[in-house]
Each structure stands twice: as structure tokens, then as C-alpha cells.
N, C-alpha and C. Protein backbone atom coordinates (compact mmCIF):
# COMPACT_ATOMS: atom_id res chain seq x y z
N UNK A 1 -21.49 4.81 28.57
CA UNK A 1 -20.41 4.59 27.64
C UNK A 1 -20.19 3.05 27.54
N UNK A 2 -19.87 2.55 26.32
CA UNK A 2 -19.64 1.11 26.28
C UNK A 2 -18.28 0.77 26.88
N UNK A 3 -18.09 -0.46 27.27
CA UNK A 3 -16.85 -0.88 27.86
C UNK A 3 -16.23 -2.00 26.98
N UNK A 4 -14.82 -2.02 27.09
CA UNK A 4 -14.08 -3.08 26.44
C UNK A 4 -14.19 -4.26 27.35
N UNK A 5 -13.55 -5.42 26.83
CA UNK A 5 -13.53 -6.62 27.58
C UNK A 5 -12.88 -6.53 28.93
N UNK A 6 -11.93 -5.62 29.11
CA UNK A 6 -11.36 -5.51 30.40
C UNK A 6 -11.97 -4.34 31.29
N UNK A 7 -13.04 -3.80 30.82
CA UNK A 7 -13.72 -2.82 31.59
C UNK A 7 -13.40 -1.37 31.30
N UNK A 8 -12.47 -1.22 30.31
CA UNK A 8 -12.08 0.17 29.85
C UNK A 8 -13.19 0.73 29.14
N UNK A 9 -13.59 2.02 29.54
CA UNK A 9 -14.60 2.80 28.81
C UNK A 9 -14.16 3.39 27.51
N UNK A 10 -14.98 3.46 26.53
CA UNK A 10 -14.59 4.13 25.28
C UNK A 10 -15.91 4.87 24.77
N UNK A 11 -15.70 5.87 24.00
CA UNK A 11 -16.92 6.65 23.50
C UNK A 11 -17.62 5.78 22.44
N UNK A 12 -18.92 5.93 22.21
CA UNK A 12 -19.59 5.26 21.20
C UNK A 12 -19.05 5.71 19.82
N UNK A 13 -19.13 4.81 18.89
CA UNK A 13 -18.65 5.04 17.55
C UNK A 13 -19.68 6.03 16.93
N UNK A 14 -19.14 6.90 16.11
CA UNK A 14 -19.94 7.89 15.43
C UNK A 14 -20.97 7.22 14.56
N UNK A 15 -22.21 7.69 14.64
CA UNK A 15 -23.22 7.04 13.82
C UNK A 15 -23.39 7.89 12.54
N UNK A 16 -23.75 7.23 11.43
CA UNK A 16 -23.97 7.82 10.19
C UNK A 16 -25.47 8.23 10.09
N UNK A 17 -26.29 7.85 11.02
CA UNK A 17 -27.67 8.27 10.99
C UNK A 17 -27.86 9.77 10.96
N UNK A 18 -28.70 10.15 10.12
CA UNK A 18 -29.02 11.63 9.99
C UNK A 18 -28.07 12.46 9.21
N UNK A 19 -27.04 11.73 8.55
CA UNK A 19 -26.03 12.46 7.77
C UNK A 19 -26.60 12.36 6.32
N UNK A 20 -26.36 13.37 5.54
CA UNK A 20 -26.75 13.46 4.21
C UNK A 20 -26.13 12.26 3.44
N UNK A 21 -26.91 11.62 2.61
CA UNK A 21 -26.47 10.41 1.90
C UNK A 21 -26.93 9.13 2.51
N UNK A 22 -26.43 7.98 2.03
CA UNK A 22 -26.82 6.79 2.51
C UNK A 22 -25.92 6.19 3.38
N UNK A 23 -26.30 5.81 4.60
CA UNK A 23 -25.30 5.21 5.58
C UNK A 23 -24.62 3.97 4.92
N UNK A 24 -23.30 4.01 5.14
CA UNK A 24 -22.56 2.86 4.55
C UNK A 24 -22.16 1.69 5.51
N UNK A 25 -22.46 1.81 6.79
CA UNK A 25 -22.11 0.73 7.70
C UNK A 25 -20.74 0.77 8.17
N UNK A 26 -19.88 1.62 7.85
CA UNK A 26 -18.50 1.75 8.27
C UNK A 26 -18.44 2.54 9.53
N UNK A 27 -17.66 2.05 10.43
CA UNK A 27 -17.27 2.89 11.62
C UNK A 27 -16.00 3.68 11.21
N UNK A 28 -15.75 4.71 11.76
CA UNK A 28 -14.66 5.65 11.34
C UNK A 28 -13.40 5.51 12.42
N UNK A 29 -12.30 5.28 12.01
CA UNK A 29 -11.11 5.48 12.83
C UNK A 29 -10.36 6.60 12.29
N UNK A 30 -10.38 7.67 12.96
CA UNK A 30 -9.81 8.91 12.51
C UNK A 30 -8.32 8.88 12.64
N UNK A 31 -7.66 9.12 11.50
CA UNK A 31 -6.15 9.21 11.48
C UNK A 31 -5.74 10.44 10.73
N UNK A 32 -5.70 11.59 11.53
CA UNK A 32 -5.31 12.84 10.91
C UNK A 32 -3.98 12.95 10.38
N UNK A 33 -3.08 12.12 10.98
CA UNK A 33 -1.66 12.13 10.47
C UNK A 33 -1.52 11.73 8.97
N UNK A 34 -2.54 11.01 8.51
CA UNK A 34 -2.46 10.49 7.08
C UNK A 34 -2.74 11.66 6.13
N UNK A 35 -3.13 12.88 6.53
CA UNK A 35 -3.35 13.98 5.65
C UNK A 35 -2.06 14.33 4.87
N UNK A 36 -1.02 14.12 5.49
CA UNK A 36 0.30 14.34 4.72
C UNK A 36 0.48 13.60 3.47
N UNK A 37 -0.01 12.24 3.57
CA UNK A 37 0.12 11.44 2.44
C UNK A 37 -0.92 11.76 1.40
N UNK A 38 -2.14 12.18 1.84
CA UNK A 38 -3.10 12.54 0.94
C UNK A 38 -2.75 13.85 0.18
N UNK A 39 -2.18 14.84 0.94
CA UNK A 39 -1.81 16.15 0.38
C UNK A 39 -0.64 15.87 -0.71
N UNK A 40 0.34 15.03 -0.37
CA UNK A 40 1.47 14.81 -1.13
C UNK A 40 1.21 13.88 -2.33
N UNK A 41 0.37 12.95 -2.10
CA UNK A 41 0.25 11.98 -3.09
C UNK A 41 -1.07 11.88 -3.90
N UNK A 42 -2.13 12.65 -3.49
CA UNK A 42 -3.39 12.49 -4.00
C UNK A 42 -3.43 13.19 -5.36
N UNK A 43 -3.98 12.58 -6.31
CA UNK A 43 -4.09 13.07 -7.73
C UNK A 43 -5.57 12.92 -8.13
N UNK A 44 -5.93 13.96 -8.88
CA UNK A 44 -7.32 13.93 -9.39
C UNK A 44 -7.37 13.24 -10.73
N UNK A 45 -8.63 12.67 -11.06
CA UNK A 45 -8.56 11.99 -12.42
C UNK A 45 -8.25 13.09 -13.46
N UNK A 46 -7.45 12.55 -14.52
CA UNK A 46 -7.04 13.51 -15.55
C UNK A 46 -5.67 14.07 -15.21
N UNK A 47 -5.14 13.92 -14.09
CA UNK A 47 -3.75 14.33 -13.77
C UNK A 47 -2.80 13.30 -14.40
N UNK A 48 -1.52 13.65 -14.34
CA UNK A 48 -0.53 12.81 -14.76
C UNK A 48 -0.51 11.47 -14.03
N UNK A 49 -0.02 10.33 -14.59
CA UNK A 49 -0.01 9.07 -13.94
C UNK A 49 0.88 9.14 -12.66
N UNK A 50 0.36 8.75 -11.53
CA UNK A 50 1.08 8.74 -10.30
C UNK A 50 2.37 7.83 -10.48
N UNK A 51 2.29 6.83 -11.16
CA UNK A 51 3.51 5.84 -11.23
C UNK A 51 4.52 6.50 -12.26
N UNK A 52 4.08 7.32 -13.13
CA UNK A 52 5.08 8.01 -13.95
C UNK A 52 5.58 9.21 -13.30
N UNK A 53 4.86 9.82 -12.42
CA UNK A 53 5.38 10.99 -11.65
C UNK A 53 6.24 10.66 -10.59
N UNK A 54 6.00 9.58 -9.84
CA UNK A 54 6.78 9.13 -8.69
C UNK A 54 8.36 9.13 -8.89
N UNK A 55 8.80 8.58 -9.96
CA UNK A 55 10.23 8.53 -10.25
C UNK A 55 10.88 9.99 -10.36
N UNK A 56 10.02 10.97 -10.74
CA UNK A 56 10.57 12.37 -10.82
C UNK A 56 10.78 13.01 -9.53
N UNK A 57 10.32 12.43 -8.40
CA UNK A 57 10.42 12.98 -7.07
C UNK A 57 11.62 12.35 -6.38
N UNK A 58 11.89 12.86 -5.17
CA UNK A 58 12.91 12.13 -4.32
C UNK A 58 12.41 10.95 -3.83
N UNK A 59 13.23 10.01 -3.53
CA UNK A 59 12.71 8.76 -2.98
C UNK A 59 11.93 8.92 -1.65
N UNK A 60 12.21 9.96 -0.91
CA UNK A 60 11.54 10.24 0.33
C UNK A 60 10.15 10.74 0.05
N UNK A 61 10.05 11.60 -0.89
CA UNK A 61 8.79 12.23 -1.26
C UNK A 61 7.90 11.22 -1.84
N UNK A 62 8.36 10.34 -2.75
CA UNK A 62 7.56 9.37 -3.49
C UNK A 62 7.38 8.09 -2.70
N UNK A 63 8.13 7.93 -1.61
CA UNK A 63 8.11 6.57 -0.89
C UNK A 63 8.74 5.53 -1.69
N UNK A 64 9.68 5.80 -2.57
CA UNK A 64 10.42 4.71 -3.31
C UNK A 64 11.38 4.15 -2.39
N UNK A 65 11.40 2.76 -2.29
CA UNK A 65 12.30 2.08 -1.48
C UNK A 65 13.63 1.66 -2.30
N UNK A 66 13.46 1.35 -3.60
CA UNK A 66 14.62 0.98 -4.49
C UNK A 66 14.21 1.34 -5.93
N UNK A 67 15.21 1.84 -6.63
CA UNK A 67 15.20 2.13 -8.02
C UNK A 67 16.04 1.10 -8.88
N UNK A 68 15.40 0.40 -9.73
CA UNK A 68 16.19 -0.52 -10.49
C UNK A 68 16.36 0.22 -11.89
N UNK A 69 16.78 -0.67 -12.90
CA UNK A 69 17.05 -0.10 -14.23
C UNK A 69 15.74 0.05 -15.02
N UNK A 70 14.88 -0.89 -14.96
CA UNK A 70 13.66 -0.81 -15.72
C UNK A 70 12.39 -0.71 -14.84
N UNK A 71 12.55 -0.87 -13.53
CA UNK A 71 11.43 -0.83 -12.64
C UNK A 71 11.90 -0.34 -11.28
N UNK A 72 10.94 -0.03 -10.47
CA UNK A 72 11.26 0.53 -9.20
C UNK A 72 10.22 -0.05 -8.10
N UNK A 73 10.59 0.04 -6.82
CA UNK A 73 9.71 -0.46 -5.69
C UNK A 73 9.27 0.72 -4.85
N UNK A 74 8.04 0.87 -4.61
CA UNK A 74 7.41 1.89 -3.90
C UNK A 74 6.43 1.46 -2.78
N UNK A 75 6.27 2.19 -1.81
CA UNK A 75 5.29 1.74 -0.85
C UNK A 75 3.90 2.28 -1.37
N UNK A 76 2.94 1.41 -1.09
CA UNK A 76 1.50 1.64 -1.43
C UNK A 76 1.01 2.73 -0.48
N UNK A 77 0.41 3.86 -0.96
CA UNK A 77 -0.10 4.94 -0.12
C UNK A 77 -1.27 4.46 0.63
N UNK A 78 -1.97 3.42 0.24
CA UNK A 78 -3.15 2.94 0.91
C UNK A 78 -2.98 1.37 1.12
N UNK A 79 -2.01 1.08 2.04
CA UNK A 79 -1.67 -0.36 2.18
C UNK A 79 -2.69 -1.23 2.83
N UNK A 80 -2.65 -2.50 2.48
CA UNK A 80 -3.38 -3.49 3.23
C UNK A 80 -2.71 -3.92 4.52
N UNK A 81 -1.44 -3.85 4.49
CA UNK A 81 -0.61 -4.11 5.72
C UNK A 81 0.65 -3.26 5.73
N UNK A 82 1.23 -3.05 6.76
CA UNK A 82 2.59 -2.32 6.88
C UNK A 82 3.51 -3.00 5.99
N UNK A 83 4.23 -2.21 5.16
CA UNK A 83 5.25 -2.75 4.30
C UNK A 83 4.68 -3.26 2.90
N UNK A 84 3.47 -2.97 2.64
CA UNK A 84 2.84 -3.25 1.35
C UNK A 84 3.51 -2.50 0.26
N UNK A 85 4.31 -3.22 -0.56
CA UNK A 85 5.12 -2.62 -1.66
C UNK A 85 4.36 -2.86 -3.02
N UNK A 86 4.84 -2.00 -3.91
CA UNK A 86 4.39 -2.15 -5.37
C UNK A 86 5.73 -2.20 -6.17
N UNK A 87 5.81 -3.11 -7.10
CA UNK A 87 6.94 -3.12 -8.00
C UNK A 87 6.36 -2.67 -9.36
N UNK A 88 6.93 -1.63 -9.88
CA UNK A 88 6.35 -0.79 -11.06
C UNK A 88 7.38 -0.56 -12.15
N UNK A 89 7.02 -0.87 -13.40
CA UNK A 89 7.96 -0.62 -14.44
C UNK A 89 7.92 0.86 -14.69
N UNK A 90 9.14 1.43 -15.01
CA UNK A 90 9.14 2.92 -15.36
C UNK A 90 8.19 3.20 -16.59
N UNK A 91 8.28 2.17 -17.55
CA UNK A 91 7.60 2.46 -18.83
C UNK A 91 6.00 2.33 -18.48
N UNK A 92 5.33 3.29 -19.11
CA UNK A 92 3.84 3.40 -18.91
C UNK A 92 3.19 2.38 -19.82
N UNK A 93 2.85 1.13 -19.11
CA UNK A 93 2.08 -0.02 -19.95
C UNK A 93 1.10 -0.41 -18.97
N UNK A 94 -0.04 -0.86 -19.42
CA UNK A 94 -1.24 -1.17 -18.68
C UNK A 94 -1.23 -2.63 -18.24
N UNK A 95 -0.76 -3.54 -19.06
CA UNK A 95 -0.89 -5.00 -18.67
C UNK A 95 0.48 -5.69 -18.88
N UNK A 96 0.48 -6.93 -18.13
CA UNK A 96 1.78 -7.69 -18.02
C UNK A 96 2.16 -8.21 -19.51
N UNK A 97 1.25 -8.50 -20.33
CA UNK A 97 1.60 -8.97 -21.56
C UNK A 97 2.26 -7.92 -22.46
N UNK A 98 2.12 -6.69 -22.03
CA UNK A 98 2.90 -5.56 -22.89
C UNK A 98 4.26 -5.43 -22.31
N UNK A 99 4.65 -6.02 -21.26
CA UNK A 99 6.00 -5.85 -20.63
C UNK A 99 6.94 -6.70 -21.58
N UNK A 100 8.15 -6.11 -21.60
CA UNK A 100 9.26 -6.76 -22.40
C UNK A 100 9.79 -7.96 -21.56
N UNK A 101 10.50 -8.85 -22.16
CA UNK A 101 11.08 -9.93 -21.32
C UNK A 101 12.05 -9.42 -20.24
N UNK A 102 12.74 -8.23 -20.62
CA UNK A 102 13.78 -7.67 -19.59
C UNK A 102 12.90 -7.09 -18.44
N UNK A 103 11.83 -6.47 -18.83
CA UNK A 103 10.96 -5.76 -17.68
C UNK A 103 10.42 -6.89 -16.82
N UNK A 104 9.84 -8.02 -17.43
CA UNK A 104 9.31 -9.15 -16.70
C UNK A 104 10.42 -9.72 -15.68
N UNK A 105 11.65 -9.87 -16.29
CA UNK A 105 12.75 -10.46 -15.45
C UNK A 105 13.06 -9.46 -14.23
N UNK A 106 13.09 -8.18 -14.51
CA UNK A 106 13.47 -7.21 -13.39
C UNK A 106 12.30 -7.15 -12.41
N UNK A 107 11.02 -7.13 -12.86
CA UNK A 107 9.88 -7.15 -11.91
C UNK A 107 9.92 -8.33 -10.99
N UNK A 108 10.29 -9.53 -11.63
CA UNK A 108 10.44 -10.69 -10.82
C UNK A 108 11.50 -10.59 -9.82
N UNK A 109 12.68 -10.16 -10.37
CA UNK A 109 13.85 -10.06 -9.40
C UNK A 109 13.55 -9.08 -8.22
N UNK A 110 12.94 -8.05 -8.62
CA UNK A 110 12.69 -6.98 -7.52
C UNK A 110 11.57 -7.54 -6.58
N UNK A 111 10.64 -8.28 -7.06
CA UNK A 111 9.69 -8.84 -6.21
C UNK A 111 10.28 -9.84 -5.23
N UNK A 112 11.31 -10.71 -5.75
CA UNK A 112 12.00 -11.62 -4.89
C UNK A 112 12.79 -10.86 -3.77
N UNK A 113 13.50 -9.87 -4.15
CA UNK A 113 14.31 -9.12 -3.21
C UNK A 113 13.35 -8.37 -2.20
N UNK A 114 12.19 -7.86 -2.65
CA UNK A 114 11.24 -7.24 -1.67
C UNK A 114 10.76 -8.31 -0.67
N UNK A 115 10.54 -9.49 -1.11
CA UNK A 115 10.17 -10.49 -0.23
C UNK A 115 11.22 -10.78 0.90
N UNK A 116 12.47 -10.91 0.50
CA UNK A 116 13.58 -11.06 1.37
C UNK A 116 13.80 -9.94 2.21
N UNK A 117 13.64 -8.72 1.84
CA UNK A 117 13.78 -7.49 2.63
C UNK A 117 12.67 -7.50 3.68
N UNK A 118 11.46 -7.68 3.19
CA UNK A 118 10.38 -7.70 4.21
C UNK A 118 10.38 -8.83 5.19
N UNK A 119 10.90 -9.99 4.81
CA UNK A 119 11.18 -11.06 5.77
C UNK A 119 12.25 -10.64 6.74
N UNK A 120 13.20 -9.94 6.41
CA UNK A 120 14.26 -9.49 7.35
C UNK A 120 13.78 -8.28 8.21
N UNK A 121 13.10 -7.29 7.62
CA UNK A 121 12.81 -6.04 8.40
C UNK A 121 11.49 -6.31 9.15
N UNK A 122 10.55 -6.84 8.47
CA UNK A 122 9.19 -6.87 9.17
C UNK A 122 8.90 -8.22 9.75
N UNK A 123 9.82 -9.24 9.51
CA UNK A 123 9.70 -10.63 9.88
C UNK A 123 8.37 -11.17 9.42
N UNK A 124 8.14 -10.90 8.09
CA UNK A 124 7.02 -11.43 7.43
C UNK A 124 7.07 -12.99 7.36
N UNK A 125 5.84 -13.63 7.58
CA UNK A 125 5.87 -15.13 7.54
C UNK A 125 5.32 -15.69 6.20
N UNK A 126 4.74 -14.75 5.40
CA UNK A 126 4.22 -15.17 4.01
C UNK A 126 3.84 -13.84 3.30
N UNK A 127 3.40 -14.02 2.08
CA UNK A 127 3.19 -12.85 1.21
C UNK A 127 1.97 -13.22 0.30
N UNK A 128 1.23 -12.13 -0.02
CA UNK A 128 0.26 -12.15 -1.08
C UNK A 128 0.95 -11.33 -2.23
N UNK A 129 1.07 -11.97 -3.33
CA UNK A 129 1.53 -11.31 -4.59
C UNK A 129 0.47 -11.16 -5.54
N UNK A 130 0.41 -10.08 -6.34
CA UNK A 130 -0.62 -10.06 -7.29
C UNK A 130 -0.67 -8.87 -8.20
N UNK A 131 -1.23 -8.96 -9.43
CA UNK A 131 -1.45 -7.92 -10.41
C UNK A 131 -2.89 -7.98 -10.72
N UNK A 132 -3.58 -6.78 -10.58
CA UNK A 132 -4.98 -6.68 -11.06
C UNK A 132 -4.88 -5.93 -12.45
N UNK A 133 -5.23 -6.73 -13.39
CA UNK A 133 -5.12 -6.22 -14.81
C UNK A 133 -6.40 -5.65 -15.28
N UNK A 134 -6.45 -4.31 -15.36
CA UNK A 134 -7.70 -3.63 -15.81
C UNK A 134 -8.62 -3.23 -14.65
N UNK A 135 -9.41 -2.20 -14.87
CA UNK A 135 -10.32 -1.69 -13.87
C UNK A 135 -11.34 -2.78 -13.47
N UNK A 136 -11.80 -3.59 -14.39
CA UNK A 136 -12.87 -4.59 -14.13
C UNK A 136 -12.25 -5.61 -13.18
N UNK A 137 -10.97 -5.87 -13.21
CA UNK A 137 -10.31 -6.78 -12.34
C UNK A 137 -9.86 -6.25 -11.02
N UNK A 138 -10.18 -4.96 -10.78
CA UNK A 138 -9.84 -4.36 -9.50
C UNK A 138 -8.69 -3.47 -9.40
N UNK A 139 -8.05 -3.19 -10.56
CA UNK A 139 -6.86 -2.37 -10.52
C UNK A 139 -7.36 -0.88 -10.19
N UNK A 140 -6.73 -0.42 -9.17
CA UNK A 140 -6.94 1.01 -8.75
C UNK A 140 -6.44 2.08 -9.69
N UNK A 141 -5.28 1.66 -10.26
CA UNK A 141 -4.64 2.50 -11.35
C UNK A 141 -4.37 1.47 -12.47
N UNK A 142 -5.39 1.34 -13.29
CA UNK A 142 -5.39 0.39 -14.37
C UNK A 142 -4.53 0.72 -15.51
N UNK A 143 -4.11 1.96 -15.68
CA UNK A 143 -3.34 2.39 -16.90
C UNK A 143 -1.87 2.10 -16.79
N UNK A 144 -1.39 1.76 -15.50
CA UNK A 144 -0.01 1.49 -15.37
C UNK A 144 0.21 0.27 -14.53
N UNK A 145 0.87 -0.65 -15.14
CA UNK A 145 1.13 -1.99 -14.59
C UNK A 145 1.84 -1.87 -13.14
N UNK A 146 1.46 -2.61 -12.16
CA UNK A 146 2.21 -2.67 -10.89
C UNK A 146 1.79 -4.05 -10.24
N UNK A 147 2.80 -4.53 -9.62
CA UNK A 147 2.62 -5.77 -8.80
C UNK A 147 2.61 -5.53 -7.26
N UNK A 148 1.58 -6.02 -6.60
CA UNK A 148 1.54 -5.84 -5.11
C UNK A 148 2.39 -6.97 -4.43
N UNK A 149 3.07 -6.55 -3.33
CA UNK A 149 3.80 -7.46 -2.54
C UNK A 149 3.32 -7.12 -1.08
N UNK A 150 2.42 -8.01 -0.59
CA UNK A 150 1.82 -7.69 0.67
C UNK A 150 2.32 -8.69 1.76
N UNK A 151 3.05 -8.18 2.75
CA UNK A 151 3.53 -9.14 3.76
C UNK A 151 2.42 -9.66 4.72
N UNK A 152 2.52 -10.84 5.04
CA UNK A 152 1.47 -11.46 6.07
C UNK A 152 2.33 -12.08 7.22
N UNK A 153 1.64 -12.25 8.32
CA UNK A 153 2.14 -12.78 9.58
C UNK A 153 1.30 -13.86 10.09
N UNK A 154 1.88 -14.90 10.65
CA UNK A 154 1.13 -16.10 11.31
C UNK A 154 0.43 -15.47 12.59
N UNK A 155 0.97 -14.55 13.16
CA UNK A 155 0.45 -14.01 14.37
C UNK A 155 -0.46 -12.82 14.19
N UNK A 156 -0.73 -12.51 12.96
CA UNK A 156 -1.58 -11.34 12.60
C UNK A 156 -2.90 -11.64 13.16
N UNK A 157 -3.39 -10.89 14.07
CA UNK A 157 -4.74 -11.11 14.66
C UNK A 157 -5.56 -9.84 14.48
N UNK A 158 -5.27 -9.05 13.46
CA UNK A 158 -5.91 -7.79 13.23
C UNK A 158 -7.39 -8.11 12.82
N UNK A 159 -8.33 -7.83 13.86
CA UNK A 159 -9.70 -8.13 13.63
C UNK A 159 -10.51 -6.97 13.16
N UNK A 160 -9.81 -5.85 13.01
CA UNK A 160 -10.61 -4.57 12.64
C UNK A 160 -11.41 -4.81 11.28
N UNK A 161 -10.67 -5.31 10.26
CA UNK A 161 -11.52 -5.39 8.92
C UNK A 161 -12.77 -6.36 9.07
N UNK A 162 -12.66 -7.32 9.98
CA UNK A 162 -13.76 -8.19 10.14
C UNK A 162 -14.90 -7.59 11.06
N UNK A 163 -14.37 -7.00 12.08
CA UNK A 163 -15.39 -6.57 13.11
C UNK A 163 -15.81 -5.08 12.82
N UNK A 164 -14.91 -4.27 12.48
CA UNK A 164 -15.25 -2.90 12.47
C UNK A 164 -15.07 -2.29 10.98
N UNK A 165 -14.73 -3.14 10.02
CA UNK A 165 -14.60 -2.75 8.65
C UNK A 165 -13.60 -1.64 8.55
N UNK A 166 -12.54 -1.74 9.30
CA UNK A 166 -11.46 -0.75 9.42
C UNK A 166 -10.07 -1.37 9.28
N UNK A 167 -9.14 -0.69 8.79
CA UNK A 167 -7.78 -1.22 8.62
C UNK A 167 -6.91 -0.45 9.57
N UNK A 168 -6.10 -1.15 10.42
CA UNK A 168 -5.23 -0.56 11.28
C UNK A 168 -3.77 -0.78 10.79
N UNK A 169 -3.05 0.37 10.54
CA UNK A 169 -1.75 0.33 10.04
C UNK A 169 -0.84 0.89 11.10
N UNK A 170 0.04 0.00 11.65
CA UNK A 170 0.66 0.44 12.94
C UNK A 170 1.95 1.41 12.68
N UNK A 171 2.47 1.52 11.48
CA UNK A 171 3.64 2.39 11.35
C UNK A 171 3.43 3.31 10.23
N UNK A 172 4.08 4.55 10.38
CA UNK A 172 3.88 5.51 9.26
C UNK A 172 4.68 5.10 8.07
N UNK A 173 4.24 5.56 6.87
CA UNK A 173 4.85 5.07 5.61
C UNK A 173 6.28 5.51 5.45
N UNK A 174 6.60 6.70 5.88
CA UNK A 174 7.99 7.18 5.79
C UNK A 174 8.91 6.32 6.53
N UNK A 175 8.56 5.90 7.79
CA UNK A 175 9.42 5.05 8.53
C UNK A 175 9.69 3.72 7.94
N UNK A 176 8.59 3.20 7.38
CA UNK A 176 8.71 1.84 6.73
C UNK A 176 9.62 1.95 5.47
N UNK A 177 9.37 3.03 4.73
CA UNK A 177 10.24 3.24 3.47
C UNK A 177 11.76 3.34 3.88
N UNK A 178 12.07 4.18 4.99
CA UNK A 178 13.40 4.25 5.37
C UNK A 178 14.10 2.87 5.74
N UNK A 179 13.33 2.17 6.48
CA UNK A 179 13.72 0.88 6.95
C UNK A 179 14.03 -0.10 5.73
N UNK A 180 13.06 -0.14 4.86
CA UNK A 180 13.16 -1.04 3.75
C UNK A 180 14.36 -0.55 2.74
N UNK A 181 14.45 0.69 2.52
CA UNK A 181 15.61 1.18 1.65
C UNK A 181 16.87 0.93 2.29
N UNK A 182 16.99 1.07 3.54
CA UNK A 182 18.29 0.88 4.31
C UNK A 182 18.70 -0.59 4.21
N UNK A 183 17.75 -1.54 4.20
CA UNK A 183 17.93 -2.93 4.22
C UNK A 183 18.05 -3.50 2.82
N UNK A 184 17.79 -2.77 1.76
CA UNK A 184 17.81 -3.29 0.38
C UNK A 184 19.28 -3.51 0.04
N UNK A 185 19.47 -4.71 -0.51
CA UNK A 185 20.95 -4.94 -1.01
C UNK A 185 21.42 -4.00 -2.07
N UNK A 186 22.76 -3.66 -1.98
CA UNK A 186 23.30 -2.76 -2.93
C UNK A 186 23.68 -3.55 -4.13
């Protein structure tokens, strides 16, 4: 058995050798607790838009942290970091240039509030903000505009993506949603 730097033994990572298909080089970190999010939130191509469906559910079911007048704030089901939020207009539009001035203003205001709340609750030291416009630009859901608010930390030493090509998310999405929703200014 391989050992860690402190001598702790751990099992060998599962090899993809001999498996049908082409090995992809990824090691696997099994997280069976995430099946709840997959079963609740997974949608097949051709299904209704997940961002149009989310507001029809309860905040807890959809992981909505705050509902505004023209846009809402929801946790990303597949986050880059704990607290990764999306600011989404209710109206089904694909790109930022299709947003009304009022939607742009509310998306901006909700983004600012999200940053303040994440600074307070998660003690974020910085943020990555962004909108991927269109599938060619990397938008996972290209048909419905959404802005990412990703908290970052000066002390973040998460080496998994670099060493093991794996993301480690330390908190369950429901817990993070509850904390952010409770801290959101009324």
C-alpha cells in the first residue's frame, strides 16, 4: 500500500486500465452523498430549462439563496468552490446584451450582495465573477443567462485539481444555501 507523507497507508487509486473506453487520466474521489443533488437536479437534454424550473420549486429544493424582483441567486450544483453562486434573471434570455437595463441593474446589485454575504459567511478573500456567453465560450447552460460568483481564499491550498484532477468541496450544498439565505439582508 502507498503511504502519505506522514506514513499513513491508503489504498491505491482505482486504475482505468482494462476498462471499456479510453482511459482519461482522472483518479476518482467517490462522493455517494452527491447522488441526492444528481437525482433532484439532473435534467436530460430536451427537458425544460433548469433556470426556468428552479423558481417553481421551494428555495430548499432548488438551492435558491435569494429571490429578487427580476433575478434570483442560486447555488451551483457543480461548484468550483463552496459557496459558488449563480445570479440568474427569471426571464429566459441567452446573452447579456438581451437583458433590460433593469435586469442588468438587479444582476449587478445581487452580485454585490452575494459578494458581501460570502465575505461574511465564508470569509472569502476574493472572487471570480464571470458570464460565459454561448456554448463556444464555455457556457454549460448556454440558453439561459447566468453570472458566476465564485469565492476564493488567500489560504486556499486545495491541491487536488492540480495533483489529482479532482475537486474537493468541503460542505454540503444544502448547508451552504441555508447559511447564505439566513445571512442575506432583508
